[in-house]
Amino acid sequence: MSRLVREWLFALGLYHLTTHEDREEIDREIEARTGVYCDDALRMGLISREEFEEIVWAVLRRRRRRKKRLAELAEVV
């Protein structure tokens, strides 16, 4: 997991909202958008603070949707 992603999450007060898996997904999303390792992308300024927050919230929304779907499936079974 990226050290800079962790630092940015702490600085923005979002770290406590994320799981280890969320942080790995944030890393992958940054790498997919920039084509470089996530720490390097943040260091080079390829991802703005606003874009970083958008990525974080998108990952958190996907996790909530997945949990909701799993709960619905569990009710059916």
PDB file of N, CA and C in Angstrom:
ATOM      1  N   MET A   1       0.846  -1.184   0.000  1.00  0.00           N
ATOM      2  CA  MET A   1       0.000   0.000   0.000  1.00  0.00           C
ATOM      3  C   MET A   1       0.888   1.243   0.000  1.00  0.00           C
ATOM      4  N   SER A   2       0.393   2.243  -0.638  1.00  0.00           N
ATOM      5  CA  SER A   2       1.129   3.489  -0.816  1.00  0.00           C
ATOM      6  C   SER A   2       1.252   4.274   0.486  1.00  0.00           C
ATOM      7  N   ARG A   3       2.452   4.749   0.749  1.00  0.00           N
ATOM      8  CA  ARG A   3       2.674   5.567   1.937  1.00  0.00           C
ATOM      9  C   ARG A   3       2.037   6.945   1.765  1.00  0.00           C
ATOM     10  N   LEU A   4       2.166   7.515   0.567  1.00  0.00           N
ATOM     11  CA  LEU A   4       1.599   8.842   0.341  1.00  0.00           C
ATOM     12  C   LEU A   4       0.076   8.836   0.361  1.00  0.00           C
ATOM     13  N   VAL A   5      -0.544   7.780  -0.151  1.00  0.00           N
ATOM     14  CA  VAL A   5      -2.007   7.687  -0.081  1.00  0.00           C
ATOM     15  C   VAL A   5      -2.434   7.712   1.380  1.00  0.00           C
ATOM     16  N   ARG A   6      -1.763   6.955   2.204  1.00  0.00           N
ATOM     17  CA  ARG A   6      -2.070   6.934   3.635  1.00  0.00           C
ATOM     18  C   ARG A   6      -1.900   8.328   4.244  1.00  0.00           C
ATOM     19  N   GLU A   7      -0.804   8.996   3.911  1.00  0.00           N
ATOM     20  CA  GLU A   7      -0.554  10.340   4.440  1.00  0.00           C
ATOM     21  C   GLU A   7      -1.626  11.328   3.990  1.00  0.00           C
ATOM     22  N   TRP A   8      -2.018  11.259   2.722  1.00  0.00           N
ATOM     23  CA  TRP A   8      -3.058  12.166   2.215  1.00  0.00           C
ATOM     24  C   TRP A   8      -4.387  11.897   2.913  1.00  0.00           C
ATOM     25  N   LEU A   9      -4.703  10.623   3.123  1.00  0.00           N
ATOM     26  CA  LEU A   9      -5.947  10.290   3.817  1.00  0.00           C
ATOM     27  C   LEU A   9      -5.944  10.856   5.233  1.00  0.00           C
ATOM     28  N   PHE A  10      -4.824  10.726   5.928  1.00  0.00           N
ATOM     29  CA  PHE A  10      -4.710  11.302   7.274  1.00  0.00           C
ATOM     30  C   PHE A  10      -4.875  12.814   7.226  1.00  0.00           C
ATOM     31  N   ALA A  11      -4.183  13.458   6.288  1.00  0.00           N
ATOM     32  CA  ALA A  11      -4.220  14.920   6.188  1.00  0.00           C
ATOM     33  C   ALA A  11      -5.631  15.438   5.903  1.00  0.00           C
ATOM     34  N   LEU A  12      -6.397  14.676   5.140  1.00  0.00           N
ATOM     35  CA  LEU A  12      -7.754  15.085   4.782  1.00  0.00           C
ATOM     36  C   LEU A  12      -8.794  14.594   5.787  1.00  0.00           C
ATOM     37  N   GLY A  13      -8.355  13.844   6.806  1.00  0.00           N
ATOM     38  CA  GLY A  13      -9.276  13.338   7.815  1.00  0.00           C
ATOM     39  C   GLY A  13     -10.166  12.217   7.311  1.00  0.00           C
ATOM     40  N   LEU A  14      -9.692  11.475   6.304  1.00  0.00           N
ATOM     41  CA  LEU A  14     -10.502  10.408   5.709  1.00  0.00           C
ATOM     42  C   LEU A  14      -9.977   9.014   6.023  1.00  0.00           C
ATOM     43  N   TYR A  15      -8.824   8.928   6.633  1.00  0.00           N
ATOM     44  CA  TYR A  15      -8.201   7.621   6.860  1.00  0.00           C
ATOM     45  C   TYR A  15      -9.124   6.678   7.631  1.00  0.00           C
ATOM     46  N   HIS A  16      -9.764   7.188   8.673  1.00  0.00           N
ATOM     47  CA  HIS A  16     -10.599   6.332   9.527  1.00  0.00           C
ATOM     48  C   HIS A  16     -11.814   5.762   8.791  1.00  0.00           C
ATOM     49  N   LEU A  17     -12.157   6.324   7.643  1.00  0.00           N
ATOM     50  CA  LEU A  17     -13.303   5.839   6.875  1.00  0.00           C
ATOM     51  C   LEU A  17     -12.943   4.674   5.959  1.00  0.00           C
ATOM     52  N   THR A  18     -11.643   4.437   5.782  1.00  0.00           N
ATOM     53  CA  THR A  18     -11.209   3.438   4.808  1.00  0.00           C
ATOM     54  C   THR A  18     -10.679   2.182   5.473  1.00  0.00           C
ATOM     55  N   THR A  19     -10.846   1.079   4.770  1.00  0.00           N
ATOM     56  CA  THR A  19     -10.245  -0.190   5.174  1.00  0.00           C
ATOM     57  C   THR A  19      -8.959  -0.381   4.383  1.00  0.00           C
ATOM     58  N   HIS A  20      -8.210  -1.403   4.733  1.00  0.00           N
ATOM     59  CA  HIS A  20      -6.988  -1.730   3.993  1.00  0.00           C
ATOM     60  C   HIS A  20      -7.327  -1.990   2.522  1.00  0.00           C
ATOM     61  N   GLU A  21      -8.419  -2.715   2.283  1.00  0.00           N
ATOM     62  CA  GLU A  21      -8.835  -3.023   0.918  1.00  0.00           C
ATOM     63  C   GLU A  21      -9.210  -1.753   0.160  1.00  0.00           C
ATOM     64  N   ASP A  22      -9.875  -0.810   0.834  1.00  0.00           N
ATOM     65  CA  ASP A  22     -10.212   0.470   0.202  1.00  0.00           C
ATOM     66  C   ASP A  22      -8.949   1.195  -0.238  1.00  0.00           C
ATOM     67  N   ARG A  23      -7.950   1.224   0.644  1.00  0.00           N
ATOM     68  CA  ARG A  23      -6.717   1.936   0.341  1.00  0.00           C
ATOM     69  C   ARG A  23      -5.986   1.288  -0.827  1.00  0.00           C
ATOM     70  N   GLU A  24      -6.025  -0.034  -0.901  1.00  0.00           N
ATOM     71  CA  GLU A  24      -5.429  -0.720  -2.054  1.00  0.00           C
ATOM     72  C   GLU A  24      -6.184  -0.379  -3.332  1.00  0.00           C
ATOM     73  N   GLU A  25      -7.494  -0.284  -3.248  1.00  0.00           N
ATOM     74  CA  GLU A  25      -8.298   0.072  -4.415  1.00  0.00           C
ATOM     75  C   GLU A  25      -8.024   1.523  -4.840  1.00  0.00           C
ATOM     76  N   ILE A  26      -7.837   2.408  -3.877  1.00  0.00           N
ATOM     77  CA  ILE A  26      -7.476   3.797  -4.185  1.00  0.00           C
ATOM     78  C   ILE A  26      -6.136   3.812  -4.918  1.00  0.00           C
ATOM     79  N   ASP A  27      -5.169   3.042  -4.441  1.00  0.00           N
ATOM     80  CA  ASP A  27      -3.872   2.934  -5.115  1.00  0.00           C
ATOM     81  C   ASP A  27      -4.060   2.500  -6.564  1.00  0.00           C
ATOM     82  N   ARG A  28      -4.846   1.442  -6.774  1.00  0.00           N
ATOM     83  CA  ARG A  28      -5.059   0.912  -8.127  1.00  0.00           C
ATOM     84  C   ARG A  28      -5.736   1.940  -9.030  1.00  0.00           C
ATOM     85  N   GLU A  29      -6.694   2.673  -8.490  1.00  0.00           N
ATOM     86  CA  GLU A  29      -7.404   3.680  -9.281  1.00  0.00           C
ATOM     87  C   GLU A  29      -6.452   4.800  -9.707  1.00  0.00           C
ATOM     88  N   ILE A  30      -5.605   5.254  -8.802  1.00  0.00           N
ATOM     89  CA  ILE A  30      -4.625   6.299  -9.143  1.00  0.00           C
ATOM     90  C   ILE A  30      -3.682   5.784 -10.223  1.00  0.00           C
ATOM     91  N   GLU A  31      -3.215   4.544 -10.074  1.00  0.00           N
ATOM     92  CA  GLU A  31      -2.301   3.974 -11.054  1.00  0.00           C
ATOM     93  C   GLU A  31      -2.977   3.805 -12.408  1.00  0.00           C
ATOM     94  N   ALA A  32      -4.258   3.435 -12.412  1.00  0.00           N
ATOM     95  CA  ALA A  32      -4.992   3.277 -13.672  1.00  0.00           C
ATOM     96  C   ALA A  32      -5.178   4.632 -14.370  1.00  0.00           C
ATOM     97  N   ARG A  33      -5.438   5.667 -13.609  1.00  0.00           N
ATOM     98  CA  ARG A  33      -5.655   6.997 -14.197  1.00  0.00           C
ATOM     99  C   ARG A  33      -4.373   7.636 -14.707  1.00  0.00           C
ATOM    100  N   THR A  34      -3.259   7.371 -14.038  1.00  0.00           N
ATOM    101  CA  THR A  34      -2.021   8.076 -14.376  1.00  0.00           C
ATOM    102  C   THR A  34      -1.011   7.224 -15.137  1.00  0.00           C
ATOM    103  N   GLY A  35      -1.097   5.909 -14.987  1.00  0.00           N
ATOM    104  CA  GLY A  35      -0.132   5.030 -15.638  1.00  0.00           C
ATOM    105  C   GLY A  35       1.194   4.915 -14.910  1.00  0.00           C
ATOM    106  N   VAL A  36       1.276   5.474 -13.703  1.00  0.00           N
ATOM    107  CA  VAL A  36       2.498   5.364 -12.896  1.00  0.00           C
ATOM    108  C   VAL A  36       2.129   4.932 -11.482  1.00  0.00           C
ATOM    109  N   TYR A  37       3.137   4.480 -10.734  1.00  0.00           N
ATOM    110  CA  TYR A  37       2.935   4.064  -9.351  1.00  0.00           C
ATOM    111  C   TYR A  37       2.266   5.201  -8.572  1.00  0.00           C
ATOM    112  N   CYS A  38       1.336   4.874  -7.698  1.00  0.00           N
ATOM    113  CA  CYS A  38       0.508   5.879  -7.031  1.00  0.00           C
ATOM    114  C   CYS A  38       1.320   6.905  -6.237  1.00  0.00           C
ATOM    115  N   ASP A  39       2.353   6.479  -5.506  1.00  0.00           N
ATOM    116  CA  ASP A  39       3.190   7.448  -4.770  1.00  0.00           C
ATOM    117  C   ASP A  39       3.838   8.438  -5.734  1.00  0.00           C
ATOM    118  N   ASP A  40       4.342   7.920  -6.859  1.00  0.00           N
ATOM    119  CA  ASP A  40       4.979   8.794  -7.845  1.00  0.00           C
ATOM    120  C   ASP A  40       3.962   9.765  -8.441  1.00  0.00           C
ATOM    121  N   ALA A  41       2.757   9.286  -8.706  1.00  0.00           N
ATOM    122  CA  ALA A  41       1.715  10.155  -9.271  1.00  0.00           C
ATOM    123  C   ALA A  41       1.388  11.300  -8.318  1.00  0.00           C
ATOM    124  N   LEU A  42       1.268  10.995  -7.033  1.00  0.00           N
ATOM    125  CA  LEU A  42       0.978  12.042  -6.052  1.00  0.00           C
ATOM    126  C   LEU A  42       2.157  12.996  -5.919  1.00  0.00           C
ATOM    127  N   ARG A  43       3.356  12.450  -5.881  1.00  0.00           N
ATOM    128  CA  ARG A  43       4.559  13.260  -5.740  1.00  0.00           C
ATOM    129  C   ARG A  43       4.738  14.207  -6.929  1.00  0.00           C
ATOM    130  N   MET A  44       4.410  13.736  -8.142  1.00  0.00           N
ATOM    131  CA  MET A  44       4.577  14.538  -9.354  1.00  0.00           C
ATOM    132  C   MET A  44       3.410  15.499  -9.590  1.00  0.00           C
ATOM    133  N   GLY A  45       2.367  15.395  -8.751  1.00  0.00           N
ATOM    134  CA  GLY A  45       1.227  16.280  -8.916  1.00  0.00           C
ATOM    135  C   GLY A  45       0.284  15.881 -10.032  1.00  0.00           C
ATOM    136  N   LEU A  46       0.321  14.604 -10.436  1.00  0.00           N
ATOM    137  CA  LEU A  46      -0.567  14.137 -11.502  1.00  0.00           C
ATOM    138  C   LEU A  46      -2.004  13.992 -11.021  1.00  0.00           C
ATOM    139  N   ILE A  47      -2.187  13.912  -9.715  1.00  0.00           N
ATOM    140  CA  ILE A  47      -3.512  13.826  -9.097  1.00  0.00           C
ATOM    141  C   ILE A  47      -3.663  15.030  -8.171  1.00  0.00           C
ATOM    142  N   SER A  48      -4.699  15.816  -8.394  1.00  0.00           N
ATOM    143  CA  SER A  48      -4.955  16.965  -7.527  1.00  0.00           C
ATOM    144  C   SER A  48      -5.636  16.503  -6.247  1.00  0.00           C
ATOM    145  N   ARG A  49      -5.684  17.376  -5.281  1.00  0.00           N
ATOM    146  CA  ARG A  49      -6.377  17.073  -4.022  1.00  0.00           C
ATOM    147  C   ARG A  49      -7.841  16.760  -4.292  1.00  0.00           C
ATOM    148  N   GLU A  50      -8.469  17.542  -5.163  1.00  0.00           N
ATOM    149  CA  GLU A  50      -9.886  17.332  -5.483  1.00  0.00           C
ATOM    150  C   GLU A  50     -10.110  15.986  -6.159  1.00  0.00           C
ATOM    151  N   GLU A  51      -9.227  15.647  -7.104  1.00  0.00           N
ATOM    152  CA  GLU A  51      -9.357  14.362  -7.788  1.00  0.00           C
ATOM    153  C   GLU A  51      -9.118  13.210  -6.817  1.00  0.00           C
ATOM    154  N   PHE A  52      -8.166  13.380  -5.903  1.00  0.00           N
ATOM    155  CA  PHE A  52      -7.897  12.358  -4.900  1.00  0.00           C
ATOM    156  C   PHE A  52      -9.143  12.115  -4.056  1.00  0.00           C
ATOM    157  N   GLU A  53      -9.777  13.199  -3.606  1.00  0.00           N
ATOM    158  CA  GLU A  53     -10.996  13.048  -2.804  1.00  0.00           C
ATOM    159  C   GLU A  53     -12.109  12.372  -3.609  1.00  0.00           C
ATOM    160  N   GLU A  54     -12.235  12.716  -4.883  1.00  0.00           N
ATOM    161  CA  GLU A  54     -13.240  12.065  -5.738  1.00  0.00           C
ATOM    162  C   GLU A  54     -12.996  10.569  -5.803  1.00  0.00           C
ATOM    163  N   ILE A  55     -11.741  10.176  -5.955  1.00  0.00           N
ATOM    164  CA  ILE A  55     -11.389   8.756  -6.010  1.00  0.00           C
ATOM    165  C   ILE A  55     -11.762   8.074  -4.696  1.00  0.00           C
ATOM    166  N   VAL A  56     -11.408   8.691  -3.581  1.00  0.00           N
ATOM    167  CA  VAL A  56     -11.701   8.107  -2.266  1.00  0.00           C
ATOM    168  C   VAL A  56     -13.202   7.902  -2.101  1.00  0.00           C
ATOM    169  N   TRP A  57     -13.985   8.934  -2.376  1.00  0.00           N
ATOM    170  CA  TRP A  57     -15.433   8.815  -2.190  1.00  0.00           C
ATOM    171  C   TRP A  57     -16.053   7.813  -3.156  1.00  0.00           C
ATOM    172  N   ALA A  58     -15.528   7.713  -4.362  1.00  0.00           N
ATOM    173  CA  ALA A  58     -16.027   6.713  -5.313  1.00  0.00           C
ATOM    174  C   ALA A  58     -15.769   5.305  -4.795  1.00  0.00           C
ATOM    175  N   VAL A  59     -14.576   5.073  -4.244  1.00  0.00           N
ATOM    176  CA  VAL A  59     -14.241   3.762  -3.685  1.00  0.00           C
ATOM    177  C   VAL A  59     -15.154   3.449  -2.494  1.00  0.00           C
ATOM    178  N   LEU A  60     -15.385   4.425  -1.631  1.00  0.00           N
ATOM    179  CA  LEU A  60     -16.247   4.197  -0.464  1.00  0.00           C
ATOM    180  C   LEU A  60     -17.687   3.926  -0.888  1.00  0.00           C
ATOM    181  N   ARG A  61     -18.174   4.625  -1.914  1.00  0.00           N
ATOM    182  CA  ARG A  61     -19.540   4.365  -2.406  1.00  0.00           C
ATOM    183  C   ARG A  61     -19.657   2.958  -2.967  1.00  0.00           C
ATOM    184  N   ARG A  62     -18.651   2.513  -3.731  1.00  0.00           N
ATOM    185  CA  ARG A  62     -18.687   1.152  -4.291  1.00  0.00           C
ATOM    186  C   ARG A  62     -18.721   0.117  -3.178  1.00  0.00           C
ATOM    187  N   ARG A  63     -17.947   0.346  -2.106  1.00  0.00           N
ATOM    188  CA  ARG A  63     -17.926  -0.608  -0.997  1.00  0.00           C
ATOM    189  C   ARG A  63     -19.302  -0.689  -0.344  1.00  0.00           C
ATOM    190  N   ARG A  64     -19.929   0.478  -0.132  1.00  0.00           N
ATOM    191  CA  ARG A  64     -21.263   0.476   0.491  1.00  0.00           C
ATOM    192  C   ARG A  64     -22.272  -0.254  -0.376  1.00  0.00           C
ATOM    193  N   ARG A  65     -22.193  -0.031  -1.706  1.00  0.00           N
ATOM    194  CA  ARG A  65     -23.115  -0.724  -2.613  1.00  0.00           C
ATOM    195  C   ARG A  65     -22.900  -2.230  -2.571  1.00  0.00           C
ATOM    196  N   ARG A  66     -21.620  -2.655  -2.549  1.00  0.00           N
ATOM    197  CA  ARG A  66     -21.316  -4.087  -2.474  1.00  0.00           C
ATOM    198  C   ARG A  66     -21.872  -4.689  -1.198  1.00  0.00           C
ATOM    199  N   LYS A  67     -21.670  -3.997  -0.072  1.00  0.00           N
ATOM    200  CA  LYS A  67     -22.178  -4.510   1.203  1.00  0.00           C
ATOM    201  C   LYS A  67     -23.694  -4.623   1.174  1.00  0.00           C
ATOM    202  N   LYS A  68     -24.358  -3.623   0.618  1.00  0.00           N
ATOM    203  CA  LYS A  68     -25.816  -3.629   0.548  1.00  0.00           C
ATOM    204  C   LYS A  68     -26.297  -4.800  -0.303  1.00  0.00           C
ATOM    205  N   ARG A  69     -25.641  -5.013  -1.463  1.00  0.00           N
ATOM    206  CA  ARG A  69     -26.027  -6.130  -2.327  1.00  0.00           C
ATOM    207  C   ARG A  69     -25.821  -7.469  -1.630  1.00  0.00           C
ATOM    208  N   LEU A  70     -24.715  -7.612  -0.917  1.00  0.00           N
ATOM    209  CA  LEU A  70     -24.455  -8.865  -0.203  1.00  0.00           C
ATOM    210  C   LEU A  70     -25.499  -9.104   0.886  1.00  0.00           C
ATOM    211  N   ALA A  71     -25.888  -8.044   1.575  1.00  0.00           N
ATOM    212  CA  ALA A  71     -26.913  -8.175   2.608  1.00  0.00           C
ATOM    213  C   ALA A  71     -28.246  -8.587   1.997  1.00  0.00           C
ATOM    214  N   GLU A  72     -28.577  -8.015   0.847  1.00  0.00           N
ATOM    215  CA  GLU A  72     -29.820  -8.372   0.171  1.00  0.00           C
ATOM    216  C   GLU A  72     -29.793  -9.836  -0.281  1.00  0.00           C
ATOM    217  N   LEU A  73     -28.657 -10.267  -0.783  1.00  0.00           N
ATOM    218  CA  LEU A  73     -28.531 -11.662  -1.209  1.00  0.00           C
ATOM    219  C   LEU A  73     -28.628 -12.612  -0.010  1.00  0.00           C
ATOM    220  N   ALA A  74     -28.057 -12.221   1.100  1.00  0.00           N
ATOM    221  CA  ALA A  74     -28.122 -13.049   2.306  1.00  0.00           C
ATOM    222  C   ALA A  74     -29.562 -13.206   2.783  1.00  0.00           C
ATOM    223  N   GLU A  75     -30.367 -12.171   2.620  1.00  0.00           N
ATOM    224  CA  GLU A  75     -31.771 -12.238   3.027  1.00  0.00           C
ATOM    225  C   GLU A  75     -32.545 -13.218   2.155  1.00  0.00           C
ATOM    226  N   VAL A  76     -32.201 -13.288   0.880  1.00  0.00           N
ATOM    227  CA  VAL A  76     -32.871 -14.170  -0.069  1.00  0.00           C
ATOM    228  C   VAL A  76     -32.546 -15.616   0.219  1.00  0.00           C
ATOM    229  N   VAL A  77     -31.329 -15.865   0.611  1.00  0.00           N
ATOM    230  CA  VAL A  77     -30.871 -17.246   0.844  1.00  0.00           C
ATOM    231  C   VAL A  77     -31.347 -17.727   2.128  1.00  0.00           C
TER     232      VAL A  77
END
